[in-house]
C-alpha atoms as a PDB file:
ATOM      1  CA  MET A   1     112.904 108.948  68.878  1.00  0.00           C
ATOM      2  CA  GLY A   2     115.524 110.984  67.824  1.00  0.00           C
ATOM      3  CA  THR A   3     117.838 113.132  69.911  1.00  0.00           C
ATOM      4  CA  MET A   4     115.642 116.509  69.227  1.00  0.00           C
ATOM      5  CA  GLY A   5     112.173 114.321  70.099  1.00  0.00           C
ATOM      6  CA  SER A   6     114.106 112.793  72.975  1.00  0.00           C
ATOM      7  CA  CYS A   7     115.003 116.860  74.131  1.00  0.00           C
ATOM      8  CA  LEU A   8     111.425 117.853  73.299  1.00  0.00           C
ATOM      9  CA  VAL A   9     110.253 115.320  75.926  1.00  0.00           C
ATOM     10  CA  ALA A  10     112.517 116.177  78.645  1.00  0.00           C
ATOM     11  CA  ASP A  11     111.626 119.937  78.201  1.00  0.00           C
ATOM     12  CA  ALA A  12     108.144 119.499  78.836  1.00  0.00           C
ATOM     13  CA  PHE A  13     108.691 117.660  82.340  1.00  0.00           C
ATOM     14  CA  CYS A  14     110.752 120.965  82.878  1.00  0.00           C
ATOM     15  CA  THR A  15     108.360 123.331  82.621  1.00  0.00           C
ATOM     16  CA  ALA A  16     106.980 125.367  85.482  1.00  0.00           C
ATOM     17  CA  SER A  17     103.384 124.760  84.298  1.00  0.00           C
ATOM     18  CA  MET A  18     104.142 120.875  84.547  1.00  0.00           C
ATOM     19  CA  LYS A  19     106.124 120.611  87.676  1.00  0.00           C
ATOM     20  CA  ARG A  20     102.860 122.521  88.766  1.00  0.00           C
ATOM     21  CA  THR A  21     100.683 120.314  87.963  1.00  0.00           C
ATOM     22  CA  LEU A  22     102.548 117.094  88.973  1.00  0.00           C
ATOM     23  CA  LEU A  23     102.836 118.468  92.609  1.00  0.00           C
ATOM     24  CA  GLU A  24      99.248 119.010  92.623  1.00  0.00           C
ATOM     25  CA  ALA A  25      98.359 115.693  91.190  1.00  0.00           C
ATOM     26  CA  LEU A  26     100.605 114.254  93.946  1.00  0.00           C
ATOM     27  CA  GLU A  27      99.266 116.562  97.027  1.00  0.00           C
ATOM     28  CA  ARG A  28      95.849 115.079  95.804  1.00  0.00           C
ATOM     29  CA  SER A  29      96.645 111.446  96.920  1.00  0.00           C
ATOM     30  CA  ASP A  30      97.905 112.420  99.555  1.00  0.00           C
ATOM     31  CA  TYR A  31      94.494 113.819 100.842  1.00  0.00           C
ATOM     32  CA  ARG A  32      93.328 110.570  99.684  1.00  0.00           C
ATOM     33  CA  THR A  33      95.464 107.866 101.130  1.00  0.00           C
ATOM     34  CA  ALA A  34      97.934 107.549 103.923  1.00  0.00           C
ATOM     35  CA  ILE A  35     100.080 105.798 101.493  1.00  0.00           C
ATOM     36  CA  PRO A  36     102.947 108.854  99.967  1.00  0.00           C
ATOM     37  CA  MET A  37     103.232 108.292  96.633  1.00  0.00           C
ATOM     38  CA  ARG A  38     106.520 110.038  95.168  1.00  0.00           C
ATOM     39  CA  LEU A  39     107.616 111.194  91.518  1.00  0.00           C
ATOM     40  CA  TYR A  40     110.926 110.687  90.292  1.00  0.00           C
ATOM     41  CA  LEU A  41     112.235 112.241  86.896  1.00  0.00           C
ATOM     42  CA  GLU A  42     115.214 111.784  85.265  1.00  0.00           C
ATOM     43  CA  ARG A  43     116.182 112.579  81.685  1.00  0.00           C
ATOM     44  CA  TRP A  44     117.924 109.015  80.764  1.00  0.00           C
ATOM     45  CA  CYS A  45     118.379 105.874  82.740  1.00  0.00           C
ATOM     46  CA  PRO A  46     121.945 104.200  82.107  1.00  0.00           C
ATOM     47  CA  GLY A  47     120.384 100.841  83.213  1.00  0.00           C
ATOM     48  CA  ASP A  48     117.172  98.835  84.205  1.00  0.00           C
ATOM     49  CA  PRO A  49     114.514 101.322  85.808  1.00  0.00           C
ATOM     50  CA  LEU A  50     113.446  98.772  88.071  1.00  0.00           C
ATOM     51  CA  ASP A  51     116.872  98.596  89.457  1.00  0.00           C
ATOM     52  CA  ARG A  52     116.848 102.597  89.306  1.00  0.00           C
ATOM     53  CA  ALA A  53     113.900 102.845  91.157  1.00  0.00           C
ATOM     54  CA  GLY A  54     114.903 100.777  93.968  1.00  0.00           C
ATOM     55  CA  GLU A  55     117.944 102.899  94.451  1.00  0.00           C
ATOM     56  CA  LEU A  56     116.144 106.021  94.966  1.00  0.00           C
ATOM     57  CA  TYR A  57     113.858 104.510  96.854  1.00  0.00           C
ATOM     58  CA  LEU A  58     116.191 102.897  99.900  1.00  0.00           C
ATOM     59  CA  GLU A  59     117.552 106.411  99.366  1.00  0.00           C
ATOM     60  CA  LEU A  60     114.302 107.966 100.834  1.00  0.00           C
ATOM     61  CA  ASP A  61     114.225 108.449 104.383  1.00  0.00           C
ATOM     62  CA  ASP A  62     111.049 106.500 105.291  1.00  0.00           C
ATOM     63  CA  THR A  63     109.927 104.009 102.886  1.00  0.00           C
ATOM     64  CA  ASP A  64     107.295 102.575 105.058  1.00  0.00           C
ATOM     65  CA  GLY A  65     104.229 102.549 102.777  1.00  0.00           C
ATOM     66  CA  LEU A  66     105.778 104.703 100.228  1.00  0.00           C
ATOM     67  CA  PHE A  67     105.090 104.286  96.164  1.00  0.00           C
ATOM     68  CA  LEU A  68     107.430 105.670  93.858  1.00  0.00           C
ATOM     69  CA  LEU A  69     106.893 105.726  90.291  1.00  0.00           C
ATOM     70  CA  TYR A  70     110.351 106.260  88.342  1.00  0.00           C
ATOM     71  CA  ILE A  71     110.389 108.130  84.879  1.00  0.00           C
ATOM     72  CA  ALA A  72     113.312 108.494  82.728  1.00  0.00           C
ATOM     73  CA  VAL A  73     111.983 110.429  80.044  1.00  0.00           C
ATOM     74  CA  THR A  74     113.497 111.008  77.022  1.00  0.00           C
ATOM     75  CA  ASP A  75     114.598 107.008  77.487  1.00  0.00           C
ATOM     76  CA  GLY A  76     110.565 106.601  78.164  1.00  0.00           C
ATOM     77  CA  LYS A  77     111.965 103.821  80.539  1.00  0.00           C
ATOM     78  CA  LEU A  78     109.093 103.411  83.487  1.00  0.00           C
ATOM     79  CA  ALA A  79     108.864 101.446  86.969  1.00  0.00           C
ATOM     80  CA  PHE A  80     107.359 101.667  90.298  1.00  0.00           C
ATOM     81  CA  VAL A  81     108.657 100.593  93.624  1.00  0.00           C
ATOM     82  CA  CYS A  82     106.494 100.192  96.943  1.00  0.00           C
ATOM     83  CA  ASP A  83     105.954  98.629 100.081  1.00  0.00           C
ATOM     84  CA  LYS A  84     105.313  94.383 100.539  1.00  0.00           C
ATOM     85  CA  ALA A  85     102.665  95.489 102.180  1.00  0.00           C
ATOM     86  CA  VAL A  86     100.672  97.916  99.570  1.00  0.00           C
ATOM     87  CA  THR A  87     101.901  94.954  96.579  1.00  0.00           C
ATOM     88  CA  ARG A  88      99.947  92.118  98.824  1.00  0.00           C
ATOM     89  CA  ASN A  89      96.634  94.204  99.358  1.00  0.00           C
ATOM     90  CA  VAL A  90      96.050  96.182  95.974  1.00  0.00           C
ATOM     91  CA  GLY A  91      98.183  93.373  93.662  1.00  0.00           C
ATOM     92  CA  ALA A  92     100.422  93.798  91.273  1.00  0.00           C
ATOM     93  CA  ARG A  93      98.207  93.608  88.451  1.00  0.00           C
ATOM     94  CA  PHE A  94      96.545  96.404  89.051  1.00  0.00           C
ATOM     95  CA  PHE A  95      99.928  98.679  89.155  1.00  0.00           C
ATOM     96  CA  CYS A  96     101.185  96.885  85.805  1.00  0.00           C
ATOM     97  CA  ASN A  97      97.789  97.884  84.674  1.00  0.00           C
ATOM     98  CA  ALA A  98      98.002 101.373  85.376  1.00  0.00           C
ATOM     99  CA  LEU A  99     101.386 101.785  84.043  1.00  0.00           C
ATOM    100  CA  GLN A 100     100.428 100.696  80.583  1.00  0.00           C
ATOM    101  CA  HIS A 101      97.670 103.079  80.039  1.00  0.00           C
ATOM    102  CA  LEU A 102     100.723 105.640  81.291  1.00  0.00           C
ATOM    103  CA  ILE A 103     102.442 104.292  78.560  1.00  0.00           C
ATOM    104  CA  ARG A 104      99.448 104.666  75.901  1.00  0.00           C
ATOM    105  CA  HIS A 105      99.290 108.090  77.229  1.00  0.00           C
ATOM    106  CA  PHE A 106     103.160 108.409  76.560  1.00  0.00           C
ATOM    107  CA  GLY A 107     102.881 107.180  73.294  1.00  0.00           C
ATOM    108  CA  LYS A 108     100.257 109.852  71.845  1.00  0.00           C
ATOM    109  CA  GLY A 109     103.091 112.574  73.312  1.00  0.00           C
ATOM    110  CA  GLU A 110      99.921 113.022  76.317  1.00  0.00           C
ATOM    111  CA  TYR A 111     102.855 113.519  79.550  1.00  0.00           C
ATOM    112  CA  ARG A 112     100.775 115.483  81.298  1.00  0.00           C
ATOM    113  CA  GLN A 113      97.476 113.748  80.987  1.00  0.00           C
ATOM    114  CA  GLY A 114      99.179 110.394  81.269  1.00  0.00           C
ATOM    115  CA  VAL A 115     101.496 110.998  84.420  1.00  0.00           C
ATOM    116  CA  VAL A 116      98.408 112.723  86.435  1.00  0.00           C
ATOM    117  CA  SER A 117      95.982 110.506  85.495  1.00  0.00           C
ATOM    118  CA  TYR A 118      98.270 107.692  86.704  1.00  0.00           C
ATOM    119  CA  ILE A 119      98.593 109.412  90.018  1.00  0.00           C
ATOM    120  CA  ASP A 120      94.887 109.439  90.449  1.00  0.00           C
ATOM    121  CA  SER A 121      94.088 106.231  89.270  1.00  0.00           C
ATOM    122  CA  VAL A 122      96.707 104.660  92.209  1.00  0.00           C
ATOM    123  CA  SER A 123      96.019 107.030  95.279  1.00  0.00           C
ATOM    124  CA  ARG A 124      92.554 106.344  94.401  1.00  0.00           C
ATOM    125  CA  GLU A 125      93.411 102.363  94.226  1.00  0.00           C
ATOM    126  CA  LEU A 126      95.749 103.199  97.504  1.00  0.00           C
ATOM    127  CA  ALA A 127      92.480 104.750  99.386  1.00  0.00           C
ATOM    128  CA  THR A 128      90.290 101.847  98.963  1.00  0.00           C
ATOM    129  CA  TYR A 129      92.936 100.087 101.300  1.00  0.00           C
ATOM    130  CA  PHE A 130      94.842 102.439 102.879  1.00  0.00           C
ATOM    131  CA  PRO A 131      92.601 105.364 103.370  1.00  0.00           C
ATOM    132  CA  ARG A 132      93.761 108.800 105.009  1.00  0.00           C
ATOM    133  CA  MET A 133      91.779 109.044 108.059  1.00  0.00           C
ATOM    134  CA  ASP A 134      92.174 112.793 109.819  1.00  0.00           C
ATOM    135  CA  GLY A 135      91.638 114.530 105.866  1.00  0.00           C
ATOM    136  CA  THR A 136      94.982 116.271 106.669  1.00  0.00           C
ATOM    137  CA  ALA A 137      97.857 115.937 103.899  1.00  0.00           C
ATOM    138  CA  PRO A 138     101.286 115.430 104.966  1.00  0.00           C
ATOM    139  CA  THR A 139     103.671 118.665 104.234  1.00  0.00           C
ATOM    140  CA  SER A 140     107.118 117.654 105.174  1.00  0.00           C
ATOM    141  CA  ALA A 141     107.941 115.375 102.411  1.00  0.00           C
ATOM    142  CA  ILE A 142     109.303 116.359  98.737  1.00  0.00           C
ATOM    143  CA  ARG A 143     106.979 114.740  96.624  1.00  0.00           C
ATOM    144  CA  LEU A 144     108.586 115.359  93.279  1.00  0.00           C
ATOM    145  CA  HIS A 145     112.090 114.532  92.530  1.00  0.00           C
ATOM    146  CA  MET A 146     113.590 116.248  89.068  1.00  0.00           C
ATOM    147  CA  GLY A 147     116.663 113.807  88.914  1.00  0.00           C
ATOM    148  CA  ASN A 148     118.863 114.649  86.189  1.00  0.00           C
ATOM    149  CA  LEU A 149     116.638 115.811  84.256  1.00  0.00           C
ATOM    150  CA  ASN A 150     118.197 119.355  83.966  1.00  0.00           C
ATOM    151  CA  GLU A 151     121.568 118.453  82.391  1.00  0.00           C
ATOM    152  CA  TRP A 152     122.205 117.374  79.142  1.00  0.00           C
END
């Protein structure tokens, strides 16, 4: 993807409509499962996305039972990090298959649909093992982190 294409992809994630859609998907996940999901978007990732996702994961206040999806939008780099108990119960294969589904959406330029579908699919699977019992969602956590997405 050329520079212009890369800028258009990053810009697609910066719209108010896209942010609202992503937040709504994350809020739906919070009602389904006791495992909080976080989405971290950056324009680029200079190194390994799994290393970067791990760094960001450790910067969060409470990582107990947390699931983090990391996307470097112009690089097309993706990674997820989650608590060991989550991986042990759900299985890494499910998360990897879901990530492949997201990559297929991105390959077709379906960024919004891809991320929302990923969040919905993962939260439904998490709810199988870690359902939200009280029907209320936490409201204090920041669910969407925009990183360096607005930088050039």
